[in-house]
Amino acid sequence: MLSRPAALKDWLLAFAAGLSLLLGSASSAPAEASPPAGRTASLPPPLEVLAHSFRAGSPALLRTLLPGEEKIRVSSPSLGLKTGYYSGDQVYFLFQDIFRFRKTHTFHFVRGAEGPPDTRRLIAVVLWTYRKGSSRDFTVEISFDLVRREGDWCIREIREIL
């Protein structure tokens, strides 16, 4: 169970990310020539949430992408995740542990970050470089399979590419 300060911090981070996405989509200002620091140019909203979550080290930001009733297939030996089907809550707690011991150095999309606005499925591949404590950098290539159901995006699969 999370302590109150940790739970409040996670909630505030999730709220700030959601507000950022909402304000960004509601803005009528012309597009910027280069994205703000920590933001990737023209990512679809669910991928923007993934990027924010990993860069901030916050599983709370992933909550909006974790389905309530469906299971998510997860497989990543490098991160210590056994292959299997997990509930959204289980994935949240897995990433809570992952982010507790790892600090993101870089997180960038290498494939699948672009797609038509009306797409119902996104498969994006990322390179995540992180550090555990004061160790050397580690890099893992991860595929995220996301689907849109009833207007909401959810993660269907998280798989390390070996």
Protein backbone atom coordinates (compact mmCIF):
# COMPACT_ATOMS: atom_id res chain seq x y z
CA MET A 1 0.00 0.00 0.00
CA LEU A 2 1.29 3.46 -0.87
CA SER A 3 2.00 6.02 1.84
CA ARG A 4 -0.13 9.15 1.71
CA PRO A 5 2.68 11.40 0.41
CA ALA A 6 3.60 8.85 -2.30
CA ALA A 7 -0.06 8.37 -3.28
CA LEU A 8 -0.58 12.13 -3.41
CA LYS A 9 2.55 12.57 -5.55
CA ASP A 10 1.35 9.86 -7.99
CA TRP A 11 -2.11 11.45 -8.15
CA LEU A 12 -0.65 14.92 -8.76
CA LEU A 13 1.61 13.62 -11.53
CA ALA A 14 -1.33 11.85 -13.18
CA PHE A 15 -3.49 14.97 -12.84
CA ALA A 16 -0.75 17.19 -14.31
CA ALA A 17 -0.25 14.84 -17.27
CA GLY A 18 -3.98 14.65 -17.94
CA LEU A 19 -4.34 18.41 -17.68
CA SER A 20 -1.38 18.86 -20.01
CA LEU A 21 -2.95 16.55 -22.59
CA LEU A 22 -6.33 18.27 -22.24
CA LEU A 23 -4.92 21.77 -22.57
CA GLY A 24 -2.63 20.73 -25.41
CA SER A 25 -5.56 19.33 -27.44
CA ALA A 26 -7.84 22.27 -26.64
CA SER A 27 -5.33 24.92 -27.68
CA SER A 28 -6.05 26.84 -30.85
CA ALA A 29 -2.51 28.19 -31.02
CA PRO A 30 -0.44 27.25 -34.06
CA ALA A 31 1.87 24.26 -33.73
CA GLU A 32 5.33 24.95 -32.36
CA ALA A 33 8.37 24.41 -34.54
CA SER A 34 9.97 22.18 -31.90
CA PRO A 35 8.35 20.36 -29.00
CA PRO A 36 8.79 21.52 -25.40
CA ALA A 37 11.47 19.82 -23.29
CA GLY A 38 10.56 16.22 -22.46
CA ARG A 39 7.88 16.06 -25.13
CA THR A 40 8.00 14.25 -28.45
CA ALA A 41 6.63 15.98 -31.56
CA SER A 42 3.17 14.91 -32.71
CA LEU A 43 2.74 11.69 -30.75
CA PRO A 44 -0.74 10.21 -30.53
CA PRO A 45 -2.20 10.83 -27.02
CA PRO A 46 -1.72 7.28 -25.66
CA LEU A 47 1.95 7.29 -26.68
CA GLU A 48 2.37 10.72 -25.10
CA VAL A 49 1.05 9.19 -21.85
CA LEU A 50 3.55 6.31 -22.13
CA ALA A 51 6.42 8.72 -22.71
CA HIS A 52 5.41 10.93 -19.75
CA SER A 53 5.06 7.90 -17.49
CA PHE A 54 8.49 6.49 -18.25
CA ARG A 55 10.26 9.85 -18.24
CA ALA A 56 8.67 10.81 -14.91
CA GLY A 57 9.05 7.32 -13.46
CA SER A 58 5.38 7.35 -12.51
CA PRO A 59 3.10 4.33 -12.90
CA ALA A 60 0.16 6.56 -11.97
CA LEU A 61 0.37 8.14 -15.42
CA LEU A 62 -0.15 4.68 -16.96
CA ARG A 63 -3.48 4.22 -15.14
CA THR A 64 -5.48 5.73 -18.00
CA LEU A 65 -4.08 3.06 -20.35
CA LEU A 66 -4.66 0.05 -18.09
CA PRO A 67 -7.93 -1.75 -18.80
CA GLY A 68 -10.24 -2.48 -15.93
CA GLU A 69 -11.38 -5.98 -16.77
CA GLU A 70 -9.17 -7.29 -19.56
CA LYS A 71 -5.82 -8.93 -18.98
CA ILE A 72 -2.60 -7.52 -20.42
CA ARG A 73 0.05 -9.84 -21.84
CA VAL A 74 3.43 -8.93 -20.36
CA SER A 75 6.88 -10.36 -21.09
CA SER A 76 10.25 -8.83 -20.24
CA PRO A 77 13.02 -11.02 -18.86
CA SER A 78 15.41 -8.04 -18.56
CA LEU A 79 12.98 -6.25 -16.27
CA GLY A 80 12.22 -9.40 -14.32
CA LEU A 81 8.68 -9.75 -15.69
CA LYS A 82 7.61 -13.33 -16.28
CA THR A 83 5.55 -13.96 -19.39
CA GLY A 84 1.88 -14.04 -18.52
CA TYR A 85 -1.44 -12.24 -18.43
CA TYR A 86 -1.86 -9.59 -15.75
CA SER A 87 -4.71 -7.35 -14.62
CA GLY A 88 -4.37 -3.58 -14.96
CA ASP A 89 -3.78 -3.29 -11.20
CA GLN A 90 -1.03 -5.91 -11.34
CA VAL A 91 0.68 -4.06 -14.21
CA TYR A 92 0.45 -0.83 -12.21
CA PHE A 93 2.21 -2.44 -9.21
CA LEU A 94 4.80 -4.12 -11.45
CA PHE A 95 5.73 -0.74 -12.94
CA GLN A 96 5.68 0.85 -9.51
CA ASP A 97 8.48 -1.56 -8.54
CA ILE A 98 10.27 -1.12 -11.88
CA PHE A 99 10.29 2.67 -11.57
CA ARG A 100 11.28 2.54 -7.88
CA PHE A 101 14.65 1.01 -8.76
CA ARG A 102 15.26 2.48 -12.21
CA LYS A 103 15.75 6.06 -13.36
CA THR A 104 15.04 6.85 -16.99
CA HIS A 105 17.97 8.21 -18.97
CA THR A 106 16.21 8.18 -22.37
CA PHE A 107 12.87 6.93 -23.66
CA HIS A 108 12.22 7.29 -27.36
CA PHE A 109 10.07 5.68 -30.01
CA VAL A 110 11.87 3.85 -32.79
CA ARG A 111 8.84 2.49 -34.69
CA GLY A 112 5.09 2.89 -34.78
CA ALA A 113 4.76 6.35 -33.22
CA GLU A 114 2.97 7.70 -36.27
CA GLY A 115 -0.40 6.59 -37.44
CA PRO A 116 -3.62 7.92 -38.89
CA PRO A 117 -5.75 9.85 -36.39
CA ASP A 118 -8.66 7.42 -36.77
CA THR A 119 -6.64 4.26 -36.11
CA ARG A 120 -7.96 1.78 -33.56
CA ARG A 121 -4.64 0.03 -32.90
CA LEU A 122 -1.09 1.21 -32.32
CA ILE A 123 1.98 -0.96 -32.01
CA ALA A 124 4.93 1.14 -30.93
CA VAL A 125 8.49 0.07 -30.25
CA VAL A 126 10.60 2.06 -27.81
CA LEU A 127 14.18 2.06 -26.65
CA TRP A 128 14.29 2.68 -22.92
CA THR A 129 17.66 3.45 -21.40
CA TYR A 130 17.69 3.49 -17.64
CA ARG A 131 20.05 3.31 -14.71
CA LYS A 132 19.72 1.23 -11.56
CA GLY A 133 21.26 3.24 -8.75
CA SER A 134 24.76 4.31 -9.74
CA SER A 135 25.27 1.43 -12.18
CA ARG A 136 25.97 1.71 -15.89
CA ASP A 137 23.11 2.39 -18.31
CA PHE A 138 20.92 -0.49 -19.43
CA THR A 139 18.84 -0.41 -22.62
CA VAL A 140 15.79 -2.50 -23.36
CA GLU A 141 13.63 -2.53 -26.49
CA ILE A 142 9.93 -2.82 -25.66
CA SER A 143 6.88 -3.18 -27.87
CA PHE A 144 3.57 -1.71 -26.69
CA ASP A 145 0.37 -2.90 -28.36
CA LEU A 146 -2.50 -0.49 -27.69
CA VAL A 147 -6.10 -0.65 -28.84
CA ARG A 148 -8.93 1.88 -28.78
CA ARG A 149 -12.20 0.63 -27.34
CA GLU A 150 -15.23 2.87 -27.02
CA GLY A 151 -13.01 5.91 -27.48
CA ASP A 152 -10.50 4.98 -24.75
CA TRP A 153 -7.02 3.61 -25.36
CA CYS A 154 -5.73 0.65 -23.40
CA ILE A 155 -2.57 -1.44 -23.40
CA ARG A 156 -3.09 -4.95 -24.72
CA GLU A 157 0.51 -6.17 -24.61
CA ILE A 158 3.91 -5.11 -23.27
CA ARG A 159 6.68 -7.26 -24.69
CA GLU A 160 10.44 -7.02 -24.65
CA ILE A 161 12.02 -7.52 -28.05
CA LEU A 162 14.94 -9.88 -27.64
